[in-house]
Protein backbone atom coordinates (compact mmCIF):
# COMPACT_ATOMS: atom_id res chain seq x y z
CA MET A 1 -5.96 20.26 15.16
CA LYS A 2 -8.01 17.10 14.58
CA LYS A 3 -5.59 14.18 13.42
CA VAL A 4 -7.93 11.20 12.27
CA LEU A 5 -6.11 7.89 10.55
CA GLY A 6 -6.93 7.90 6.79
CA ILE A 7 -6.46 4.20 5.21
CA ASP A 8 -6.13 3.05 1.60
CA ILE A 9 -6.62 -0.26 1.09
CA GLY A 10 -5.27 -1.74 -1.89
CA GLY A 11 -4.86 -5.52 -3.33
CA THR A 12 -0.89 -5.35 -2.91
CA LYS A 13 -0.37 -2.41 -0.43
CA ILE A 14 -1.87 -0.45 2.28
CA ARG A 15 -1.17 2.77 2.63
CA MET A 16 -1.83 4.92 6.53
CA GLY A 17 -1.48 8.60 6.75
CA VAL A 18 -1.78 10.98 9.56
CA VAL A 19 -4.19 13.59 7.87
CA ASN A 20 -5.30 16.93 9.49
CA GLU A 21 -8.53 19.05 8.80
CA THR A 22 -7.38 20.53 5.95
CA GLY A 23 -5.57 17.37 4.29
CA GLU A 24 -2.17 17.69 4.99
CA VAL A 25 -0.41 14.29 5.63
CA LEU A 26 1.88 14.51 8.96
CA GLU A 27 2.99 10.93 8.31
CA ASP A 28 2.52 8.56 5.47
CA ILE A 29 3.22 5.04 6.13
CA THR A 30 2.49 2.25 3.52
CA ILE A 31 2.85 -1.51 4.37
CA PRO A 32 1.99 -4.94 2.35
CA THR A 33 -1.41 -6.29 2.32
CA LYS A 34 -1.58 -9.11 4.30
CA LEU A 35 -3.94 -11.78 3.96
CA PRO A 36 -6.49 -12.15 6.21
CA LEU A 37 -6.88 -8.77 6.53
CA TYR A 38 -8.49 -9.10 9.71
CA PRO A 39 -6.65 -8.75 12.62
CA TYR A 40 -3.74 -7.70 10.65
CA LEU A 41 -5.18 -4.55 9.66
CA GLU A 42 -6.23 -3.80 13.74
CA GLU A 43 -2.55 -4.60 14.50
CA GLN A 44 -1.14 -2.37 11.92
CA VAL A 45 -3.58 0.82 13.21
CA LEU A 46 -2.35 -0.16 17.30
CA LYS A 47 1.47 0.54 16.31
CA VAL A 48 0.23 3.88 14.83
CA ILE A 49 -2.22 5.05 17.59
CA GLU A 50 1.20 4.20 19.93
CA LYS A 51 3.14 6.96 17.96
CA PHE A 52 -0.12 9.63 17.46
CA PRO A 53 -1.72 8.91 20.91
CA ASP A 54 -3.98 11.99 19.96
CA LEU A 55 -5.97 10.83 17.08
CA LYS A 56 -9.60 11.51 16.96
CA GLY A 57 -10.97 8.71 14.44
CA ILE A 58 -9.84 6.38 11.61
CA GLY A 59 -11.14 6.72 7.77
CA ILE A 60 -10.73 3.74 5.92
CA GLY A 61 -10.98 3.35 1.84
CA THR A 62 -11.41 0.02 0.58
CA ARG A 63 -11.89 -1.74 -2.38
CA GLY A 64 -14.79 -3.73 -3.24
CA MET A 65 -18.53 -2.59 -1.80
CA VAL A 66 -19.20 -1.44 1.95
CA ASP A 67 -22.45 -0.44 3.53
CA ALA A 68 -21.50 2.60 5.02
CA LYS A 69 -23.66 2.64 7.52
CA THR A 70 -22.90 -0.78 9.33
CA GLY A 71 -19.39 -0.48 8.43
CA VAL A 72 -19.48 -4.09 6.82
CA VAL A 73 -17.35 -5.05 3.70
CA THR A 74 -20.27 -6.33 1.49
CA PHE A 75 -18.76 -7.35 -1.56
CA GLU A 76 -15.16 -8.27 -2.47
CA LYS A 77 -13.29 -11.39 -4.37
CA GLU A 78 -10.33 -10.70 -4.93
CA LEU A 79 -9.18 -10.24 -1.05
CA GLU A 80 -9.79 -13.60 0.54
CA GLY A 81 -11.69 -13.54 3.54
CA TRP A 82 -12.68 -9.64 3.77
CA GLU A 83 -16.17 -9.70 2.46
CA GLY A 84 -18.47 -10.02 5.33
CA THR A 85 -16.07 -8.45 7.92
CA PRO A 86 -17.68 -5.97 10.34
CA VAL A 87 -14.48 -3.91 10.11
CA LYS A 88 -16.09 -0.82 11.61
CA ALA A 89 -17.08 -2.35 15.16
CA GLN A 90 -14.16 -4.18 15.11
CA LEU A 91 -11.86 -1.38 15.07
CA GLU A 92 -14.02 0.60 17.08
CA ALA A 93 -13.86 -2.02 19.73
CA ALA A 94 -10.16 -2.36 19.42
CA THR A 95 -9.26 1.39 19.71
CA GLY A 96 -12.24 3.39 21.50
CA LEU A 97 -11.63 5.66 18.29
CA ARG A 98 -14.36 6.54 15.73
CA VAL A 99 -14.14 4.45 12.89
CA GLU A 100 -15.66 4.87 9.19
CA ILE A 101 -15.27 3.10 5.96
CA ASN A 102 -16.49 3.84 2.09
CA ASN A 103 -15.16 2.59 -1.34
CA ASP A 104 -11.71 3.61 -2.07
CA ALA A 105 -13.27 5.24 -5.34
CA ASN A 106 -15.67 7.03 -3.30
CA CYS A 107 -12.72 8.35 -0.87
CA ALA A 108 -10.64 9.46 -3.76
CA ALA A 109 -13.79 11.53 -5.24
CA LEU A 110 -14.01 13.17 -1.78
CA THR A 111 -10.62 14.42 -2.34
CA GLU A 112 -10.74 15.61 -5.51
CA VAL A 113 -14.44 17.51 -4.87
CA ARG A 114 -13.35 19.09 -1.32
CA LEU A 115 -9.72 19.89 -2.31
CA GLY A 116 -8.82 19.03 -5.88
CA ALA A 117 -9.83 18.99 -9.62
CA ALA A 118 -13.71 19.31 -8.63
CA LEU A 119 -13.76 22.04 -6.26
CA GLY A 120 -16.80 24.05 -6.63
CA PHE A 121 -18.83 21.26 -8.78
CA GLN A 122 -22.03 20.14 -7.21
CA ARG A 123 -22.47 16.78 -9.05
CA VAL A 124 -19.22 14.77 -9.34
CA VAL A 125 -18.44 11.25 -10.70
CA CYS A 126 -14.89 10.27 -10.26
CA LEU A 127 -13.15 7.74 -12.48
CA THR A 128 -10.02 6.00 -11.52
CA VAL A 129 -8.76 3.80 -14.62
CA GLY A 130 -6.13 1.32 -12.59
CA THR A 131 -5.57 -2.07 -12.83
CA LYS A 132 -9.39 -2.13 -12.82
CA LEU A 133 -12.21 0.88 -13.35
CA GLY A 134 -13.39 2.11 -10.34
CA GLY A 135 -16.12 5.38 -9.65
CA GLY A 136 -17.13 7.38 -6.93
CA LEU A 137 -19.67 9.30 -6.48
CA VAL A 138 -19.98 12.75 -4.63
CA PHE A 139 -23.44 14.83 -5.11
CA ASP A 140 -24.31 18.31 -3.22
CA GLU A 141 -20.59 17.59 -1.06
CA GLN A 142 -21.75 14.09 -0.35
CA VAL A 143 -20.68 10.30 -1.06
CA ILE A 144 -23.24 8.13 -2.80
CA ASN A 145 -23.03 4.84 -1.53
CA GLY A 146 -26.42 3.07 -2.63
CA THR A 147 -28.69 0.64 -0.61
CA HIS A 148 -25.95 -1.90 -0.65
CA GLY A 149 -22.81 0.05 -1.04
CA GLY A 150 -22.75 -0.47 -4.97
CA ALA A 151 -23.41 3.02 -6.26
CA GLY A 152 -20.35 3.91 -8.34
CA GLU A 153 -19.56 0.63 -9.44
CA VAL A 154 -18.97 1.81 -12.97
CA GLY A 155 -16.74 -0.96 -13.94
CA HIS A 156 -19.52 -3.02 -13.80
CA MET A 157 -21.71 -1.55 -16.18
CA ILE A 158 -22.41 -3.71 -18.84
CA LEU A 159 -20.73 -2.28 -21.84
CA TYR A 160 -20.71 -5.76 -24.35
CA PRO A 161 -23.50 -7.67 -23.84
CA ASN A 162 -22.47 -11.39 -23.86
CA GLY A 163 -18.84 -9.81 -23.73
CA LEU A 164 -15.81 -10.91 -22.02
CA VAL A 165 -15.96 -12.76 -18.47
CA CYS A 166 -15.39 -10.53 -15.74
CA GLY A 167 -14.17 -11.31 -12.22
CA CYS A 168 -17.47 -10.76 -11.07
CA GLY A 169 -18.92 -13.57 -12.94
CA ARG A 170 -20.65 -11.57 -15.69
CA ARG A 171 -19.80 -10.78 -19.16
CA GLY A 172 -19.03 -7.59 -20.89
CA CYS A 173 -18.55 -5.41 -17.84
CA SER A 174 -16.65 -2.08 -18.77
CA GLU A 175 -13.67 -2.77 -16.96
CA GLU A 176 -12.89 -5.67 -19.06
CA TYR A 177 -12.53 -3.11 -21.94
CA VAL A 178 -11.24 0.26 -20.17
CA SER A 179 -8.50 -0.34 -17.61
CA GLY A 180 -5.03 -1.27 -17.17
CA THR A 181 -6.09 -5.13 -17.39
CA ALA A 182 -7.82 -4.22 -20.65
CA LEU A 183 -4.51 -2.47 -22.27
CA ARG A 184 -2.50 -5.53 -21.69
CA ARG A 185 -5.11 -7.86 -23.46
CA MET A 186 -5.49 -5.48 -26.31
CA ILE A 187 -1.39 -4.87 -26.51
CA GLN A 188 -1.48 -8.79 -27.09
CA GLU A 189 -4.27 -8.89 -29.55
CA GLU A 190 -2.89 -6.53 -32.14
CA ASN A 191 0.79 -7.56 -31.47
CA VAL A 192 1.90 -3.71 -30.37
CA VAL A 193 6.06 -4.29 -30.62
CA ASN A 194 7.75 -1.64 -29.06
CA PRO A 195 10.13 -0.83 -31.66
CA LYS A 196 12.97 0.33 -29.35
CA THR A 197 13.08 -3.21 -27.49
CA GLY A 198 11.63 -5.64 -30.06
CA GLU A 199 9.22 -6.61 -27.41
CA LEU A 200 5.41 -6.61 -26.77
CA ALA A 201 4.66 -3.22 -25.15
CA ILE A 202 3.72 -2.79 -21.79
CA PRO A 203 0.69 -0.40 -20.88
CA GLN A 204 2.65 2.15 -19.55
CA GLU A 205 4.05 3.09 -22.97
CA LEU A 206 1.15 1.91 -25.32
CA PHE A 207 -0.15 5.71 -25.72
CA ARG A 208 3.45 7.51 -26.26
CA LEU A 209 3.77 4.84 -28.89
CA ALA A 210 0.58 5.59 -30.65
CA ALA A 211 1.82 9.38 -30.02
CA GLU A 212 4.88 8.57 -31.86
CA GLY A 213 3.13 6.92 -35.13
CA LEU A 214 3.29 3.24 -34.32
CA THR A 215 -0.41 2.23 -36.28
CA SER A 216 -0.71 -0.95 -33.72
CA ALA A 217 -0.63 1.39 -30.62
CA GLN A 218 -2.68 3.80 -32.36
CA THR A 219 -5.81 1.02 -32.95
CA VAL A 220 -5.66 0.11 -29.33
CA ARG A 221 -5.31 3.60 -28.12
CA ASP A 222 -8.40 4.61 -30.52
CA ARG A 223 -10.51 1.28 -29.26
CA PHE A 224 -9.56 2.07 -25.73
CA LEU A 225 -10.86 5.81 -25.59
CA SER A 226 -13.98 4.92 -27.86
CA ASP A 227 -15.06 3.03 -25.53
CA PHE A 228 -14.08 5.10 -22.28
CA ALA A 229 -16.50 7.76 -23.97
CA VAL A 230 -19.07 5.61 -23.89
CA VAL A 231 -18.76 5.18 -20.57
CA ILE A 232 -18.86 8.66 -19.78
CA SER A 233 -21.78 9.14 -22.15
CA THR A 234 -23.46 6.69 -20.39
CA LEU A 235 -23.03 8.05 -17.38
CA GLN A 236 -24.01 11.37 -18.29
CA ALA A 237 -27.52 10.26 -19.34
CA VAL A 238 -28.46 8.71 -15.95
CA LEU A 239 -26.79 10.94 -13.38
CA ASP A 240 -26.41 14.28 -15.28
CA MET A 241 -23.37 15.42 -13.32
CA ASP A 242 -21.41 18.83 -13.85
CA CYS A 243 -17.65 17.22 -14.02
CA VAL A 244 -15.85 14.05 -14.42
CA VAL A 245 -12.80 13.62 -12.91
CA VAL A 246 -10.01 11.21 -14.17
CA GLY A 247 -7.29 9.42 -12.01
CA GLY A 248 -6.01 6.23 -11.67
CA GLY A 249 -2.46 4.65 -12.85
CA VAL A 250 -3.57 4.85 -16.50
CA SER A 251 -4.24 8.88 -16.43
CA GLU A 252 -0.31 9.30 -15.39
CA SER A 253 0.10 8.92 -19.30
CA ALA A 254 -2.84 11.41 -20.04
CA ASP A 255 -0.46 13.76 -21.69
CA ASP A 256 -0.39 11.28 -24.72
CA TRP A 257 -4.39 10.79 -25.00
CA TRP A 258 -6.14 13.59 -22.70
CA GLU A 259 -7.24 15.50 -26.03
CA ASN A 260 -8.17 12.12 -27.90
CA LEU A 261 -10.42 11.18 -25.08
CA LEU A 262 -12.11 14.73 -24.60
CA ALA A 263 -12.60 14.69 -28.78
CA LYS A 264 -14.68 11.25 -28.72
CA VAL A 265 -16.77 12.48 -25.83
CA GLU A 266 -17.84 15.94 -27.40
CA PRO A 267 -20.41 14.16 -30.04
CA LEU A 268 -21.56 11.99 -27.14
CA LYS A 269 -22.46 15.14 -24.85
CA LEU A 270 -26.45 15.31 -24.16
CA LYS A 271 -25.30 18.55 -22.12
CA PRO A 272 -22.37 20.32 -21.00
CA LEU A 273 -19.90 18.73 -19.30
CA GLU A 274 -16.69 19.50 -18.03
CA LEU A 275 -13.87 16.77 -17.58
CA ARG A 276 -11.00 17.01 -15.26
CA ARG A 277 -7.64 15.37 -14.67
CA ALA A 278 -7.24 14.38 -11.09
CA ALA A 279 -5.60 16.75 -9.08
CA PHE A 280 -4.42 13.74 -6.02
CA GLY A 281 -2.59 10.53 -7.37
CA ASN A 282 -1.69 7.98 -5.25
CA GLU A 283 -3.14 9.84 -1.86
CA ALA A 284 -6.48 10.18 -2.63
CA GLY A 285 -7.96 7.38 -1.41
CA MET A 286 -5.80 8.01 1.74
CA ILE A 287 -6.81 11.25 2.41
CA GLY A 288 -10.38 11.04 1.29
CA ALA A 289 -10.46 8.18 3.65
CA ALA A 290 -9.70 10.74 6.63
CA MET A 291 -12.41 12.87 5.39
CA LEU A 292 -14.96 10.91 6.03
CA VAL A 293 -14.08 11.76 9.90
CA THR A 294 -12.80 14.88 9.49
CA ASP A 295 -15.68 16.29 6.98
CA PRO A 296 -17.76 18.27 9.01
CA SER A 297 -21.42 17.27 6.79
CA ASN A 298 -20.19 13.66 7.83
CA ASN A 299 -20.11 14.08 11.51
CA SER A 300 -23.03 11.21 12.79
């Protein structure tokens, strides 16, 4: 059975997994993200290849925008030196293996479509709500990359014109209002204090405090979910998808806010739309990265 190395590159850690064609993770390795990423990444990959010399390829999911055809990172401002790196060419030359690279949210979406919450749906948008807001598009079982690798950059749809300054340099981007970072800011703005500790709440406990009746936490929750519902509605108006999958770190507390989100989305729907919670957690990006190689429809 074909074994592929799937790599998920994040801002603080890199997760690498030896994955077979069914999506089973045979080896799971986590290492810190060190800059510059190249040649550090190459060194770590070669270590895995020594242990698994029968690998058939390498799939990489990374933050930022990627030209999937050329394998070049076209936009990434927070991983210094990563933008402009011809990852595919360099790593293929170093390993002799086929290398495919794409955006990490696209990889997570591929996992949910092939194995997870969106199994059986044809047009899927996967939203990852973590530190920032990411998006992946899989239509008719194909990842949609766009002309410059920028399709699915949901976090950079402008939600509030002339709003808060985003890391991309523009104002009012969605991820400044729908993300873990946004929750932290709103907690400070509304002075959401955890009654048990007497200290400012953290995003991980915000929704539980709201469910328990804390008024300031409910205010933040409602602002956050109202904006989230608008993002989903806007995407439906443009893409007419049949399923939205919500994942990422913030979704770990979804037991406390999922029904509230559904209620806010319902009156904004233009057509029927299924909302699902992601079936895979932190391993989704790594498994999906491997699928860039193992997926028969992506064999180039």
